[in-house]
Amino acid sequence: EHYHIPQVITHTTRAPRTHEVDGVDYYFETAASFPKNHYLEHVTYANNQYGSSWEGLERGVGNDLWNMVVFSKITCNRGFTRSCITS
């Protein structure tokens, strides 16, 4: 909202934390539902899957995928980092 660009929500198989809301903070997936999406990138960390999907991009920005930048929430924990995708 602050930058007037749409938020792209990523997916994870980890359990939501107390304050997190499905579809707002992440799309919380099961081990069975996670592979049904089409991922631009994904990673396994601490036995959980994380990823950015085409479906999430479409929900976030509609069909205007050409003029966007994907901002990903990056958590640095014990040396874990994830790359951002830009177009």
C-alpha atoms as a PDB file:
ATOM      1  CA  GLU A   1       0.000   0.000   0.000  1.00  0.00           C
ATOM      2  CA  HIS A   2       2.780   2.427   0.917  1.00  0.00           C
ATOM      3  CA  TYR A   3       4.462   2.109  -2.498  1.00  0.00           C
ATOM      4  CA  HIS A   4       1.217   1.782  -4.488  1.00  0.00           C
ATOM      5  CA  ILE A   5       2.262  -1.526  -6.027  1.00  0.00           C
ATOM      6  CA  PRO A   6       0.412  -4.801  -5.640  1.00  0.00           C
ATOM      7  CA  GLN A   7       1.637  -7.337  -3.110  1.00  0.00           C
ATOM      8  CA  VAL A   8       2.522 -10.770  -4.393  1.00  0.00           C
ATOM      9  CA  ILE A   9       1.907 -13.395  -1.739  1.00  0.00           C
ATOM     10  CA  THR A  10       4.180 -16.437  -1.616  1.00  0.00           C
ATOM     11  CA  HIS A  11       3.380 -20.025  -0.602  1.00  0.00           C
ATOM     12  CA  THR A  12       4.643 -22.151   2.264  1.00  0.00           C
ATOM     13  CA  THR A  13       3.971 -25.531   3.821  1.00  0.00           C
ATOM     14  CA  ARG A  14       4.948 -24.394   7.301  1.00  0.00           C
ATOM     15  CA  ALA A  15       2.253 -23.881   9.900  1.00  0.00           C
ATOM     16  CA  PRO A  16       0.964 -20.317  10.275  1.00  0.00           C
ATOM     17  CA  ARG A  17       2.153 -18.348  13.272  1.00  0.00           C
ATOM     18  CA  THR A  18      -0.464 -16.960  15.640  1.00  0.00           C
ATOM     19  CA  HIS A  19      -0.745 -13.551  13.947  1.00  0.00           C
ATOM     20  CA  GLU A  20      -0.525 -14.778  10.331  1.00  0.00           C
ATOM     21  CA  VAL A  21      -3.523 -14.991   8.002  1.00  0.00           C
ATOM     22  CA  ASP A  22      -3.823 -17.318   5.003  1.00  0.00           C
ATOM     23  CA  GLY A  23      -3.952 -15.315   1.778  1.00  0.00           C
ATOM     24  CA  VAL A  24      -2.529 -12.223   3.487  1.00  0.00           C
ATOM     25  CA  ASP A  25       0.871 -13.234   4.873  1.00  0.00           C
ATOM     26  CA  TYR A  26       1.337 -16.429   2.840  1.00  0.00           C
ATOM     27  CA  TYR A  27      -0.746 -18.980   1.038  1.00  0.00           C
ATOM     28  CA  PHE A  28      -0.479 -21.783   3.563  1.00  0.00           C
ATOM     29  CA  GLU A  29      -0.308 -25.079   1.696  1.00  0.00           C
ATOM     30  CA  THR A  30      -0.231 -28.739   2.610  1.00  0.00           C
ATOM     31  CA  ALA A  31       2.461 -31.112   1.353  1.00  0.00           C
ATOM     32  CA  ALA A  32      -0.153 -32.374  -1.155  1.00  0.00           C
ATOM     33  CA  SER A  33      -1.379 -28.960  -2.369  1.00  0.00           C
ATOM     34  CA  PHE A  34       2.042 -27.245  -2.677  1.00  0.00           C
ATOM     35  CA  PRO A  35       3.182 -29.053  -5.861  1.00  0.00           C
ATOM     36  CA  LYS A  36      -0.097 -28.278  -7.651  1.00  0.00           C
ATOM     37  CA  ASN A  37       1.033 -24.677  -8.254  1.00  0.00           C
ATOM     38  CA  HIS A  38       3.431 -23.555 -11.000  1.00  0.00           C
ATOM     39  CA  TYR A  39       6.492 -22.066  -9.296  1.00  0.00           C
ATOM     40  CA  LEU A  40       8.919 -19.468 -10.601  1.00  0.00           C
ATOM     41  CA  GLU A  41      11.180 -20.412  -7.732  1.00  0.00           C
ATOM     42  CA  HIS A  42      10.935 -22.576  -4.649  1.00  0.00           C
ATOM     43  CA  VAL A  43      13.152 -23.752  -1.853  1.00  0.00           C
ATOM     44  CA  THR A  44      13.070 -26.214   1.023  1.00  0.00           C
ATOM     45  CA  TYR A  45      14.151 -24.770   4.357  1.00  0.00           C
ATOM     46  CA  ALA A  46      13.801 -26.419   7.775  1.00  0.00           C
ATOM     47  CA  ASN A  47      11.688 -29.209   6.227  1.00  0.00           C
ATOM     48  CA  ASN A  48       9.170 -26.704   4.806  1.00  0.00           C
ATOM     49  CA  GLN A  49       8.567 -25.610   1.223  1.00  0.00           C
ATOM     50  CA  TYR A  50       8.513 -21.933   0.220  1.00  0.00           C
ATOM     51  CA  GLY A  51       7.869 -20.553  -3.248  1.00  0.00           C
ATOM     52  CA  SER A  52       6.575 -17.860  -5.597  1.00  0.00           C
ATOM     53  CA  SER A  53       3.985 -19.128  -8.062  1.00  0.00           C
ATOM     54  CA  TRP A  54       2.473 -17.887 -11.316  1.00  0.00           C
ATOM     55  CA  GLU A  55      -0.900 -18.263  -9.614  1.00  0.00           C
ATOM     56  CA  GLY A  56       0.208 -15.903  -6.830  1.00  0.00           C
ATOM     57  CA  LEU A  57       1.498 -13.405  -9.389  1.00  0.00           C
ATOM     58  CA  GLU A  58      -1.791 -13.472 -11.263  1.00  0.00           C
ATOM     59  CA  ARG A  59      -3.758 -12.919  -8.047  1.00  0.00           C
ATOM     60  CA  GLY A  60      -1.478 -10.038  -7.069  1.00  0.00           C
ATOM     61  CA  VAL A  61      -1.168  -8.166 -10.336  1.00  0.00           C
ATOM     62  CA  GLY A  62      -3.726  -9.667 -12.709  1.00  0.00           C
ATOM     63  CA  ASN A  63      -2.602  -9.971 -16.305  1.00  0.00           C
ATOM     64  CA  ASP A  64      -0.143  -7.053 -16.206  1.00  0.00           C
ATOM     65  CA  LEU A  65       2.952  -9.189 -15.537  1.00  0.00           C
ATOM     66  CA  TRP A  66       5.261  -7.340 -17.925  1.00  0.00           C
ATOM     67  CA  ASN A  67       5.720  -4.143 -15.903  1.00  0.00           C
ATOM     68  CA  MET A  68       6.199  -5.485 -12.426  1.00  0.00           C
ATOM     69  CA  VAL A  69       8.843  -6.272  -9.898  1.00  0.00           C
ATOM     70  CA  VAL A  70       8.368  -9.132  -7.501  1.00  0.00           C
ATOM     71  CA  PHE A  71       9.255  -8.159  -3.985  1.00  0.00           C
ATOM     72  CA  SER A  72       9.753 -11.185  -1.830  1.00  0.00           C
ATOM     73  CA  LYS A  73       9.802 -11.266   1.932  1.00  0.00           C
ATOM     74  CA  ILE A  74      13.314 -12.394   2.679  1.00  0.00           C
ATOM     75  CA  THR A  75      14.080 -13.910   6.009  1.00  0.00           C
ATOM     76  CA  CYS A  76      17.713 -14.237   6.993  1.00  0.00           C
ATOM     77  CA  ASN A  77      17.989 -16.937   9.565  1.00  0.00           C
ATOM     78  CA  ARG A  78      21.149 -18.967  10.043  1.00  0.00           C
ATOM     79  CA  GLY A  79      22.480 -17.937   6.659  1.00  0.00           C
ATOM     80  CA  PHE A  80      19.274 -18.681   4.739  1.00  0.00           C
ATOM     81  CA  THR A  81      18.529 -16.254   1.921  1.00  0.00           C
ATOM     82  CA  ARG A  82      16.289 -16.424  -1.116  1.00  0.00           C
ATOM     83  CA  SER A  83      16.730 -14.646  -4.417  1.00  0.00           C
ATOM     84  CA  CYS A  84      14.216 -12.143  -5.721  1.00  0.00           C
ATOM     85  CA  ILE A  85      12.960 -12.301  -9.293  1.00  0.00           C
ATOM     86  CA  THR A  86      12.688  -9.099 -11.292  1.00  0.00           C
ATOM     87  CA  SER A  87      11.415  -8.322 -14.741  1.00  0.00           C
END
